[in-house]
Amino acid sequence: MAVPPCYSDLGKDASDLFSKGYNFGDVKLDVSTTSAGKTGFKAAATSHGDGPDGASRRVSGSLELKREVYKNESKDITVTSKWATDNTVNTTLTANNFGLENNKVTLEGFFVPHSGKHSGKVKGAYKRPHFHMTDEVQVKSEGVAVSATAVVKKCGFYAGYQGTYSQYHGGFKDSNFAVGFAAKDFSLHTTCINHGSHVHGSLFHSVSSKLDLGVALRWAAGADGAHFSIGSKYSCCPGTIIRSKFNSDGELGLSYKQELNSNVNVTLSAQVDTKALALPSHRLGLGLDFCA
């Protein structure tokens, strides 16, 4: 019996069509490797901005270390530490299948050395056939926030709920509900956010092993109409992926990913404002990924 995805992954097939493979206005470099001692290292650097002059751009980066400190046939403990150029340090400890089978516990700490600001999170996940539950408790200097989600699924149909109570926001911050249907090559997803003030919907269809298509709709209370997007992903040959998307604002997105070899990938992307072709509002992006 299949376990449903967690709430945050509902409708992920469609959302990935519109988010993955695009880095408009940015130049990104990702380098990852694993040592003989099974410690993973990942370095990332990004030059952000749209303007041609250097003053309008900013550069950020991060270094991440990940190590599996314990593992047997069913249990494992992993520690991840990440430092970013904005001088933030994030450390995470994840334990799987300790105490209860099919459970996951995560301890996360966030620290800003130069300001002394810090926070912590405790996350849990429990999954069984047809059921997936998560919870999170975040502790900050302003107070405590508690979030919980639950997803049930039967015969392809699913329903999920997400709620957040925040002490420093003075009550319930989020109350979201999702329903949908997912099959092997098709999914339909709808989310009502904050008691229906926003409604998001998506449709995903895997036409073949090479072609995926998707449609996304967003509506907000008081808006004149809905915002829509259509997207596609085409694996024309081994190592080559072409993506495209177009939305109701007239923005056309294109992406081309090429696997140069087993360790190097390059991604080129562009966003064209079809309503203002003569204006310099178009954006380009470049991504390089090295993995050893």
C-alpha atoms as a PDB file:
ATOM      1  CA  MET A   1       0.000   0.000   0.000  1.00  0.00           C
ATOM      2  CA  ALA A   2       1.374   3.380  -0.992  1.00  0.00           C
ATOM      3  CA  VAL A   3       2.136   6.163   1.457  1.00  0.00           C
ATOM      4  CA  PRO A   4       0.836   9.576   0.309  1.00  0.00           C
ATOM      5  CA  PRO A   5       3.278  12.489   0.006  1.00  0.00           C
ATOM      6  CA  CYS A   6       3.534  15.078   2.751  1.00  0.00           C
ATOM      7  CA  TYR A   7       1.331  18.170   2.464  1.00  0.00           C
ATOM      8  CA  SER A   8       4.088  20.366   1.001  1.00  0.00           C
ATOM      9  CA  ASP A   9       4.622  17.864  -1.839  1.00  0.00           C
ATOM     10  CA  LEU A  10       0.996  17.697  -2.964  1.00  0.00           C
ATOM     11  CA  GLY A  11       0.772  18.834  -6.579  1.00  0.00           C
ATOM     12  CA  LYS A  12       4.563  18.766  -6.841  1.00  0.00           C
ATOM     13  CA  ASP A  13       4.615  17.269 -10.340  1.00  0.00           C
ATOM     14  CA  ALA A  14       2.902  20.355 -11.742  1.00  0.00           C
ATOM     15  CA  SER A  15       4.710  22.923  -9.569  1.00  0.00           C
ATOM     16  CA  ASP A  16       8.099  21.538 -10.622  1.00  0.00           C
ATOM     17  CA  LEU A  17       7.234  22.284 -14.252  1.00  0.00           C
ATOM     18  CA  PHE A  18       7.077  26.007 -13.414  1.00  0.00           C
ATOM     19  CA  SER A  19       9.954  26.286 -10.925  1.00  0.00           C
ATOM     20  CA  LYS A  20      12.749  23.847 -11.747  1.00  0.00           C
ATOM     21  CA  GLY A  21      15.315  24.614 -14.434  1.00  0.00           C
ATOM     22  CA  TYR A  22      14.758  28.393 -14.507  1.00  0.00           C
ATOM     23  CA  ASN A  23      17.110  31.004 -13.001  1.00  0.00           C
ATOM     24  CA  PHE A  24      16.105  34.243 -14.708  1.00  0.00           C
ATOM     25  CA  GLY A  25      18.513  37.110 -14.084  1.00  0.00           C
ATOM     26  CA  ASP A  26      20.969  34.927 -12.145  1.00  0.00           C
ATOM     27  CA  VAL A  27      24.280  33.240 -12.792  1.00  0.00           C
ATOM     28  CA  LYS A  28      24.561  30.145 -10.602  1.00  0.00           C
ATOM     29  CA  LEU A  29      27.388  27.751  -9.839  1.00  0.00           C
ATOM     30  CA  ASP A  30      26.876  24.562  -7.813  1.00  0.00           C
ATOM     31  CA  VAL A  31      29.710  22.196  -6.906  1.00  0.00           C
ATOM     32  CA  SER A  32      29.173  18.989  -4.941  1.00  0.00           C
ATOM     33  CA  THR A  33      31.377  16.059  -4.009  1.00  0.00           C
ATOM     34  CA  THR A  34      31.578  13.228  -1.482  1.00  0.00           C
ATOM     35  CA  SER A  35      34.731  12.200   0.369  1.00  0.00           C
ATOM     36  CA  ALA A  36      35.949   8.673   0.919  1.00  0.00           C
ATOM     37  CA  GLY A  37      34.563   8.948   4.443  1.00  0.00           C
ATOM     38  CA  LYS A  38      31.079   9.571   3.012  1.00  0.00           C
ATOM     39  CA  THR A  39      30.979  13.234   3.983  1.00  0.00           C
ATOM     40  CA  GLY A  40      29.168  15.321   1.408  1.00  0.00           C
ATOM     41  CA  PHE A  41      30.340  18.816   0.506  1.00  0.00           C
ATOM     42  CA  LYS A  42      28.281  21.288  -1.491  1.00  0.00           C
ATOM     43  CA  ALA A  43      29.276  24.831  -2.437  1.00  0.00           C
ATOM     44  CA  ALA A  44      26.934  27.236  -4.200  1.00  0.00           C
ATOM     45  CA  ALA A  45      27.399  30.763  -5.520  1.00  0.00           C
ATOM     46  CA  THR A  46      24.840  33.009  -7.213  1.00  0.00           C
ATOM     47  CA  SER A  47      25.110  36.407  -8.844  1.00  0.00           C
ATOM     48  CA  HIS A  48      21.645  37.970  -8.530  1.00  0.00           C
ATOM     49  CA  GLY A  49      20.144  40.853 -10.448  1.00  0.00           C
ATOM     50  CA  ASP A  50      18.850  42.007 -13.797  1.00  0.00           C
ATOM     51  CA  GLY A  51      20.848  45.135 -14.600  1.00  0.00           C
ATOM     52  CA  PRO A  52      23.940  45.084 -16.811  1.00  0.00           C
ATOM     53  CA  ASP A  53      25.967  47.241 -14.400  1.00  0.00           C
ATOM     54  CA  GLY A  54      27.758  45.579 -11.527  1.00  0.00           C
ATOM     55  CA  ALA A  55      26.239  47.949  -8.932  1.00  0.00           C
ATOM     56  CA  SER A  56      22.784  46.487  -9.490  1.00  0.00           C
ATOM     57  CA  ARG A  57      23.946  42.919  -8.865  1.00  0.00           C
ATOM     58  CA  ARG A  58      24.795  41.116  -5.657  1.00  0.00           C
ATOM     59  CA  VAL A  59      26.613  37.864  -5.015  1.00  0.00           C
ATOM     60  CA  SER A  60      25.711  35.271  -2.415  1.00  0.00           C
ATOM     61  CA  GLY A  61      27.127  31.876  -1.597  1.00  0.00           C
ATOM     62  CA  SER A  62      26.961  28.970   0.815  1.00  0.00           C
ATOM     63  CA  LEU A  63      28.939  25.941   1.957  1.00  0.00           C
ATOM     64  CA  GLU A  64      27.179  22.812   3.165  1.00  0.00           C
ATOM     65  CA  LEU A  65      28.584  19.710   4.863  1.00  0.00           C
ATOM     66  CA  LYS A  66      26.499  16.573   5.280  1.00  0.00           C
ATOM     67  CA  ARG A  67      27.525  13.387   7.064  1.00  0.00           C
ATOM     68  CA  GLU A  68      25.717  10.190   7.970  1.00  0.00           C
ATOM     69  CA  VAL A  69      26.944   9.538  11.515  1.00  0.00           C
ATOM     70  CA  TYR A  70      24.980   6.328  12.120  1.00  0.00           C
ATOM     71  CA  LYS A  71      23.295   3.741   9.924  1.00  0.00           C
ATOM     72  CA  ASN A  72      22.034   0.190  10.160  1.00  0.00           C
ATOM     73  CA  GLU A  73      19.449  -1.760   8.172  1.00  0.00           C
ATOM     74  CA  SER A  74      16.480   0.440   9.162  1.00  0.00           C
ATOM     75  CA  LYS A  75      17.793   3.410  11.185  1.00  0.00           C
ATOM     76  CA  ASP A  76      20.049   6.310  10.334  1.00  0.00           C
ATOM     77  CA  ILE A  77      21.196   9.667  11.736  1.00  0.00           C
ATOM     78  CA  THR A  78      22.414  12.463   9.472  1.00  0.00           C
ATOM     79  CA  VAL A  79      23.977  15.807  10.443  1.00  0.00           C
ATOM     80  CA  THR A  80      23.979  18.749   8.020  1.00  0.00           C
ATOM     81  CA  SER A  81      25.613  22.119   8.596  1.00  0.00           C
ATOM     82  CA  LYS A  82      25.340  25.094   6.247  1.00  0.00           C
ATOM     83  CA  TRP A  83      27.079  28.483   6.340  1.00  0.00           C
ATOM     84  CA  ALA A  84      25.996  31.309   4.033  1.00  0.00           C
ATOM     85  CA  THR A  85      27.670  34.569   3.056  1.00  0.00           C
ATOM     86  CA  ASP A  86      25.005  36.577   4.903  1.00  0.00           C
ATOM     87  CA  ASN A  87      26.772  35.143   7.998  1.00  0.00           C
ATOM     88  CA  THR A  88      24.058  32.685   8.979  1.00  0.00           C
ATOM     89  CA  VAL A  89      24.728  29.181  10.266  1.00  0.00           C
ATOM     90  CA  ASN A  90      22.137  26.427  10.046  1.00  0.00           C
ATOM     91  CA  THR A  91      22.672  22.967  11.578  1.00  0.00           C
ATOM     92  CA  THR A  92      20.255  20.064  11.193  1.00  0.00           C
ATOM     93  CA  LEU A  93      20.164  16.602  12.774  1.00  0.00           C
ATOM     94  CA  THR A  94      17.789  14.075  11.202  1.00  0.00           C
ATOM     95  CA  ALA A  95      16.937  10.658  12.685  1.00  0.00           C
ATOM     96  CA  ASN A  96      14.852   8.053  10.857  1.00  0.00           C
ATOM     97  CA  ASN A  97      12.925   5.149  12.392  1.00  0.00           C
ATOM     98  CA  PHE A  98      13.967   5.717  16.004  1.00  0.00           C
ATOM     99  CA  GLY A  99      11.255   4.906  18.553  1.00  0.00           C
ATOM    100  CA  LEU A 100       8.526   4.244  15.979  1.00  0.00           C
ATOM    101  CA  GLU A 101       8.754   2.601  12.579  1.00  0.00           C
ATOM    102  CA  ASN A 102       8.280   4.974   9.630  1.00  0.00           C
ATOM    103  CA  ASN A 103       8.871   8.091  11.716  1.00  0.00           C
ATOM    104  CA  LYS A 104      11.324  10.936  11.186  1.00  0.00           C
ATOM    105  CA  VAL A 105      12.572  13.488  13.721  1.00  0.00           C
ATOM    106  CA  THR A 106      14.554  16.599  12.772  1.00  0.00           C
ATOM    107  CA  LEU A 107      16.281  19.091  15.076  1.00  0.00           C
ATOM    108  CA  GLU A 108      17.279  22.353  13.411  1.00  0.00           C
ATOM    109  CA  GLY A 109      19.208  25.320  14.802  1.00  0.00           C
ATOM    110  CA  PHE A 110      19.685  28.740  13.183  1.00  0.00           C
ATOM    111  CA  PHE A 111      22.283  31.254  14.369  1.00  0.00           C
ATOM    112  CA  VAL A 112      23.484  34.684  13.210  1.00  0.00           C
ATOM    113  CA  PRO A 113      26.881  35.243  14.918  1.00  0.00           C
ATOM    114  CA  HIS A 114      27.210  39.001  14.368  1.00  0.00           C
ATOM    115  CA  SER A 115      23.775  39.828  15.828  1.00  0.00           C
ATOM    116  CA  GLY A 116      23.312  36.952  18.251  1.00  0.00           C
ATOM    117  CA  LYS A 117      19.931  36.155  16.707  1.00  0.00           C
ATOM    118  CA  HIS A 118      19.005  32.493  16.973  1.00  0.00           C
ATOM    119  CA  SER A 119      16.056  30.131  16.645  1.00  0.00           C
ATOM    120  CA  GLY A 120      15.338  26.437  16.755  1.00  0.00           C
ATOM    121  CA  LYS A 121      12.919  23.935  15.254  1.00  0.00           C
ATOM    122  CA  VAL A 122      11.767  20.440  16.111  1.00  0.00           C
ATOM    123  CA  LYS A 123      10.115  18.595  13.231  1.00  0.00           C
ATOM    124  CA  GLY A 124       8.442  15.232  13.140  1.00  0.00           C
ATOM    125  CA  ALA A 125       6.916  13.041  10.462  1.00  0.00           C
ATOM    126  CA  TYR A 126       4.937   9.828  10.687  1.00  0.00           C
ATOM    127  CA  LYS A 127       3.646   7.857   7.719  1.00  0.00           C
ATOM    128  CA  ARG A 128       1.607   4.755   7.183  1.00  0.00           C
ATOM    129  CA  PRO A 129      -0.309   3.353   4.195  1.00  0.00           C
ATOM    130  CA  HIS A 130      -2.890   5.981   3.126  1.00  0.00           C
ATOM    131  CA  PHE A 131      -1.722   8.471   5.806  1.00  0.00           C
ATOM    132  CA  HIS A 132       1.105  11.004   6.240  1.00  0.00           C
ATOM    133  CA  MET A 133       1.395  13.435   9.149  1.00  0.00           C
ATOM    134  CA  THR A 134       4.003  16.101   9.982  1.00  0.00           C
ATOM    135  CA  ASP A 135       4.428  18.573  12.826  1.00  0.00           C
ATOM    136  CA  GLU A 136       6.821  21.422  13.541  1.00  0.00           C
ATOM    137  CA  VAL A 137       7.549  23.549  16.604  1.00  0.00           C
ATOM    138  CA  GLN A 138       9.612  26.700  16.034  1.00  0.00           C
ATOM    139  CA  VAL A 139      11.081  28.649  18.949  1.00  0.00           C
ATOM    140  CA  LYS A 140      12.205  32.257  18.382  1.00  0.00           C
ATOM    141  CA  SER A 141      12.889  35.183  20.664  1.00  0.00           C
ATOM    142  CA  GLU A 142       9.445  36.570  19.722  1.00  0.00           C
ATOM    143  CA  GLY A 143       7.643  33.393  20.803  1.00  0.00           C
ATOM    144  CA  VAL A 144       6.628  29.927  19.654  1.00  0.00           C
ATOM    145  CA  ALA A 145       4.911  28.748  16.459  1.00  0.00           C
ATOM    146  CA  VAL A 146       3.350  25.312  16.015  1.00  0.00           C
ATOM    147  CA  SER A 147       2.466  23.861  12.616  1.00  0.00           C
ATOM    148  CA  ALA A 148       0.881  20.526  11.708  1.00  0.00           C
ATOM    149  CA  THR A 149      -0.199  18.812   8.506  1.00  0.00           C
ATOM    150  CA  ALA A 150      -2.071  15.632   7.658  1.00  0.00           C
ATOM    151  CA  VAL A 151      -2.748  13.890   4.344  1.00  0.00           C
ATOM    152  CA  VAL A 152      -5.014  10.914   3.668  1.00  0.00           C
ATOM    153  CA  LYS A 153      -5.241   9.100   0.349  1.00  0.00           C
ATOM    154  CA  LYS A 154      -7.430   6.304  -0.960  1.00  0.00           C
ATOM    155  CA  CYS A 155      -7.921   4.965  -4.512  1.00  0.00           C
ATOM    156  CA  GLY A 156      -5.974   7.905  -5.959  1.00  0.00           C
ATOM    157  CA  PHE A 157      -8.051  10.596  -4.213  1.00  0.00           C
ATOM    158  CA  TYR A 158      -6.423  12.594  -1.429  1.00  0.00           C
ATOM    159  CA  ALA A 159      -7.199  15.361   1.038  1.00  0.00           C
ATOM    160  CA  GLY A 160      -4.831  17.334   3.231  1.00  0.00           C
ATOM    161  CA  TYR A 161      -4.847  20.069   5.856  1.00  0.00           C
ATOM    162  CA  GLN A 162      -2.172  22.458   7.116  1.00  0.00           C
ATOM    163  CA  GLY A 163      -2.569  24.693  10.149  1.00  0.00           C
ATOM    164  CA  THR A 164      -0.185  27.034  11.975  1.00  0.00           C
ATOM    165  CA  TYR A 165      -0.596  28.705  15.348  1.00  0.00           C
ATOM    166  CA  SER A 166       1.873  31.503  16.011  1.00  0.00           C
ATOM    167  CA  GLN A 167       2.304  33.108  19.397  1.00  0.00           C
ATOM    168  CA  TYR A 168       4.111  36.107  17.941  1.00  0.00           C
ATOM    169  CA  HIS A 169       1.393  36.608  15.301  1.00  0.00           C
ATOM    170  CA  GLY A 170      -1.332  36.465  17.917  1.00  0.00           C
ATOM    171  CA  GLY A 171      -3.215  33.358  16.835  1.00  0.00           C
ATOM    172  CA  PHE A 172      -3.759  31.107  13.834  1.00  0.00           C
ATOM    173  CA  LYS A 173      -1.532  32.243  10.987  1.00  0.00           C
ATOM    174  CA  ASP A 174      -2.353  29.612   8.336  1.00  0.00           C
ATOM    175  CA  SER A 175      -5.333  27.404   7.656  1.00  0.00           C
ATOM    176  CA  ASN A 176      -5.025  25.625   4.315  1.00  0.00           C
ATOM    177  CA  PHE A 177      -6.902  22.722   2.763  1.00  0.00           C
ATOM    178  CA  ALA A 178      -6.057  20.663  -0.320  1.00  0.00           C
ATOM    179  CA  VAL A 179      -7.868  18.014  -2.342  1.00  0.00           C
ATOM    180  CA  GLY A 180      -6.942  16.210  -5.510  1.00  0.00           C
ATOM    181  CA  PHE A 181      -6.459  13.054  -7.484  1.00  0.00           C
ATOM    182  CA  ALA A 182      -3.173  11.448  -8.513  1.00  0.00           C
ATOM    183  CA  ALA A 183      -2.566   8.547 -10.879  1.00  0.00           C
ATOM    184  CA  LYS A 184       0.613   7.211 -12.461  1.00  0.00           C
ATOM    185  CA  ASP A 185       0.634   9.704 -15.350  1.00  0.00           C
ATOM    186  CA  PHE A 186      -1.961  12.268 -14.296  1.00  0.00           C
ATOM    187  CA  SER A 187      -2.747  14.504 -11.312  1.00  0.00           C
ATOM    188  CA  LEU A 188      -5.306  17.167 -10.441  1.00  0.00           C
ATOM    189  CA  HIS A 189      -4.688  19.387  -7.400  1.00  0.00           C
ATOM    190  CA  THR A 190      -6.534  22.241  -5.667  1.00  0.00           C
ATOM    191  CA  THR A 191      -5.504  24.217  -2.577  1.00  0.00           C
ATOM    192  CA  CYS A 192      -7.585  26.698  -0.562  1.00  0.00           C
ATOM    193  CA  ILE A 193      -5.332  29.070   1.361  1.00  0.00           C
ATOM    194  CA  ASN A 194      -6.349  30.997   4.484  1.00  0.00           C
ATOM    195  CA  HIS A 195     -10.004  29.993   4.501  1.00  0.00           C
ATOM    196  CA  GLY A 196     -10.370  30.389   0.742  1.00  0.00           C
ATOM    197  CA  SER A 197      -8.933  33.888   0.341  1.00  0.00           C
ATOM    198  CA  HIS A 198      -6.602  32.372  -2.249  1.00  0.00           C
ATOM    199  CA  VAL A 199      -7.237  29.302  -4.408  1.00  0.00           C
ATOM    200  CA  HIS A 200      -4.526  27.519  -6.392  1.00  0.00           C
ATOM    201  CA  GLY A 201      -5.155  24.696  -8.833  1.00  0.00           C
ATOM    202  CA  SER A 202      -2.997  22.606 -11.136  1.00  0.00           C
ATOM    203  CA  LEU A 203      -3.254  19.863 -13.725  1.00  0.00           C
ATOM    204  CA  PHE A 204      -0.340  17.589 -14.674  1.00  0.00           C
ATOM    205  CA  HIS A 205      -0.144  15.024 -17.455  1.00  0.00           C
ATOM    206  CA  SER A 206       2.812  12.844 -18.364  1.00  0.00           C
ATOM    207  CA  VAL A 207       2.052  12.402 -22.046  1.00  0.00           C
ATOM    208  CA  SER A 208       4.975  10.034 -22.620  1.00  0.00           C
ATOM    209  CA  SER A 209       8.336   9.141 -21.142  1.00  0.00           C
ATOM    210  CA  LYS A 210       9.729  12.241 -22.887  1.00  0.00           C
ATOM    211  CA  LEU A 211       6.970  14.853 -22.566  1.00  0.00           C
ATOM    212  CA  ASP A 212       5.247  16.347 -19.501  1.00  0.00           C
ATOM    213  CA  LEU A 213       2.574  19.067 -19.640  1.00  0.00           C
ATOM    214  CA  GLY A 214       0.990  21.167 -16.907  1.00  0.00           C
ATOM    215  CA  VAL A 215      -1.480  23.965 -16.246  1.00  0.00           C
ATOM    216  CA  ALA A 216      -1.614  26.131 -13.114  1.00  0.00           C
ATOM    217  CA  LEU A 217      -4.309  28.587 -11.984  1.00  0.00           C
ATOM    218  CA  ARG A 218      -4.248  31.115  -9.131  1.00  0.00           C
ATOM    219  CA  TRP A 219      -7.170  33.189  -7.871  1.00  0.00           C
ATOM    220  CA  ALA A 220      -7.319  35.722  -5.022  1.00  0.00           C
ATOM    221  CA  ALA A 221     -10.398  37.203  -3.376  1.00  0.00           C
ATOM    222  CA  GLY A 222     -11.111  40.623  -4.851  1.00  0.00           C
ATOM    223  CA  ALA A 223      -9.087  40.009  -8.002  1.00  0.00           C
ATOM    224  CA  ASP A 224     -10.577  40.780 -11.392  1.00  0.00           C
ATOM    225  CA  GLY A 225      -9.641  37.388 -12.778  1.00  0.00           C
ATOM    226  CA  ALA A 226      -7.477  34.316 -12.375  1.00  0.00           C
ATOM    227  CA  HIS A 227      -3.780  34.061 -13.197  1.00  0.00           C
ATOM    228  CA  PHE A 228      -2.903  31.073 -15.350  1.00  0.00           C
ATOM    229  CA  SER A 229       0.293  29.401 -16.544  1.00  0.00           C
ATOM    230  CA  ILE A 230       1.008  26.562 -18.944  1.00  0.00           C
ATOM    231  CA  GLY A 231       4.287  24.641 -18.889  1.00  0.00           C
ATOM    232  CA  SER A 232       6.087  21.761 -20.538  1.00  0.00           C
ATOM    233  CA  LYS A 233       9.177  19.613 -20.137  1.00  0.00           C
ATOM    234  CA  TYR A 234      10.614  17.708 -23.078  1.00  0.00           C
ATOM    235  CA  SER A 235      13.494  15.232 -22.833  1.00  0.00           C
ATOM    236  CA  CYS A 236      14.367  15.210 -26.510  1.00  0.00           C
ATOM    237  CA  CYS A 237      17.388  12.911 -26.119  1.00  0.00           C
ATOM    238  CA  PRO A 238      19.520  11.464 -23.306  1.00  0.00           C
ATOM    239  CA  GLY A 239      21.133  14.306 -21.330  1.00  0.00           C
ATOM    240  CA  THR A 240      19.064  17.099 -22.913  1.00  0.00           C
ATOM    241  CA  ILE A 241      15.953  18.718 -21.391  1.00  0.00           C
ATOM    242  CA  ILE A 242      13.966  21.599 -22.898  1.00  0.00           C
ATOM    243  CA  ARG A 243      11.453  23.457 -20.723  1.00  0.00           C
ATOM    244  CA  SER A 244       8.965  26.197 -21.547  1.00  0.00           C
ATOM    245  CA  LYS A 245       6.228  28.110 -19.752  1.00  0.00           C
ATOM    246  CA  PHE A 246       3.872  30.967 -20.513  1.00  0.00           C
ATOM    247  CA  ASN A 247       1.541  32.906 -18.213  1.00  0.00           C
ATOM    248  CA  SER A 248      -1.338  35.355 -18.429  1.00  0.00           C
ATOM    249  CA  ASP A 249       1.036  38.284 -17.813  1.00  0.00           C
ATOM    250  CA  GLY A 250       2.573  37.592 -21.214  1.00  0.00           C
ATOM    251  CA  GLU A 251       5.835  36.236 -19.805  1.00  0.00           C
ATOM    252  CA  LEU A 252       7.454  33.471 -21.840  1.00  0.00           C
ATOM    253  CA  GLY A 253      10.067  31.330 -20.101  1.00  0.00           C
ATOM    254  CA  LEU A 254      12.493  29.026 -21.892  1.00  0.00           C
ATOM    255  CA  SER A 255      15.153  26.699 -20.509  1.00  0.00           C
ATOM    256  CA  TYR A 256      17.722  24.396 -22.058  1.00  0.00           C
ATOM    257  CA  LYS A 257      19.682  21.910 -19.927  1.00  0.00           C
ATOM    258  CA  GLN A 258      22.553  19.890 -21.354  1.00  0.00           C
ATOM    259  CA  GLU A 259      24.501  17.150 -19.606  1.00  0.00           C
ATOM    260  CA  LEU A 260      28.044  17.645 -20.895  1.00  0.00           C
ATOM    261  CA  ASN A 261      29.232  14.488 -19.147  1.00  0.00           C
ATOM    262  CA  SER A 262      28.351  12.479 -16.043  1.00  0.00           C
ATOM    263  CA  ASN A 263      29.762  15.231 -13.791  1.00  0.00           C
ATOM    264  CA  VAL A 264      28.870  18.507 -15.515  1.00  0.00           C
ATOM    265  CA  ASN A 265      25.507  20.066 -16.399  1.00  0.00           C
ATOM    266  CA  VAL A 266      24.855  23.482 -17.938  1.00  0.00           C
ATOM    267  CA  THR A 267      21.486  25.268 -17.966  1.00  0.00           C
ATOM    268  CA  LEU A 268      20.571  28.305 -20.072  1.00  0.00           C
ATOM    269  CA  SER A 269      17.289  30.103 -19.444  1.00  0.00           C
ATOM    270  CA  ALA A 270      15.510  33.219 -20.664  1.00  0.00           C
ATOM    271  CA  GLN A 271      12.360  35.135 -19.826  1.00  0.00           C
ATOM    272  CA  VAL A 272      10.764  37.255 -22.546  1.00  0.00           C
ATOM    273  CA  ASP A 273       8.102  39.874 -21.859  1.00  0.00           C
ATOM    274  CA  THR A 274       5.928  39.406 -24.929  1.00  0.00           C
ATOM    275  CA  LYS A 275       3.896  42.525 -24.072  1.00  0.00           C
ATOM    276  CA  ALA A 276       6.976  44.759 -24.235  1.00  0.00           C
ATOM    277  CA  LEU A 277       9.359  43.233 -26.752  1.00  0.00           C
ATOM    278  CA  ALA A 278      11.086  46.573 -27.441  1.00  0.00           C
ATOM    279  CA  LEU A 279      11.817  47.284 -23.760  1.00  0.00           C
ATOM    280  CA  PRO A 280      14.857  45.936 -21.837  1.00  0.00           C
ATOM    281  CA  SER A 281      12.706  43.905 -19.469  1.00  0.00           C
ATOM    282  CA  HIS A 282      13.845  40.491 -20.680  1.00  0.00           C
ATOM    283  CA  ARG A 283      16.063  38.352 -18.447  1.00  0.00           C
ATOM    284  CA  LEU A 284      18.727  35.709 -19.045  1.00  0.00           C
ATOM    285  CA  GLY A 285      20.123  33.073 -16.738  1.00  0.00           C
ATOM    286  CA  LEU A 286      23.055  30.669 -16.635  1.00  0.00           C
ATOM    287  CA  GLY A 287      23.586  27.688 -14.353  1.00  0.00           C
ATOM    288  CA  LEU A 288      26.588  25.360 -14.038  1.00  0.00           C
ATOM    289  CA  ASP A 289      26.467  22.196 -11.934  1.00  0.00           C
ATOM    290  CA  PHE A 290      29.596  20.174 -11.139  1.00  0.00           C
ATOM    291  CA  CYS A 291      29.239  16.861  -9.286  1.00  0.00           C
ATOM    292  CA  ALA A 292      32.146  14.563  -8.446  1.00  0.00           C
END
